C-alpha cells in the first residue's frame, strides 16, 4: 500500500555532534521510528538531517526531540523555504 504524501513537508534539521556514519545511523533510526515520517536522510559531513513528514500526524517539535533522544543537539531547521535559525524560533510558517 502506497503512503499518502500529499500533505508532507520537508524539514532540514541542523545537528551538532555527528562525527561518523554510526552517528548518522543513530539519528536516522530515531527519526524514522516516528509515525508520520516517510523519508529520512542524514549526513554527518553537512551536519544535517532531511526529513519528509506529515505535520498533521507529527509535529516538528517531536522530530527535534528525536534528535535529542538519539544523543545529539538539533540547533535549528529549515522548513520549506523558511530558515529558522534556532530550534527555539517562533517565526510563523506560511
Foldseek 3Di string as FASTA:
>chain_A
DDDDLVQKWKKKWAWPDDDDVVLQVLLLVLQVVDPFWDDWGQDVVRRIIITIGHCVRDPVVVSQVSNVVSPIHGAFMQIDNRGDRGPPDPDDDD
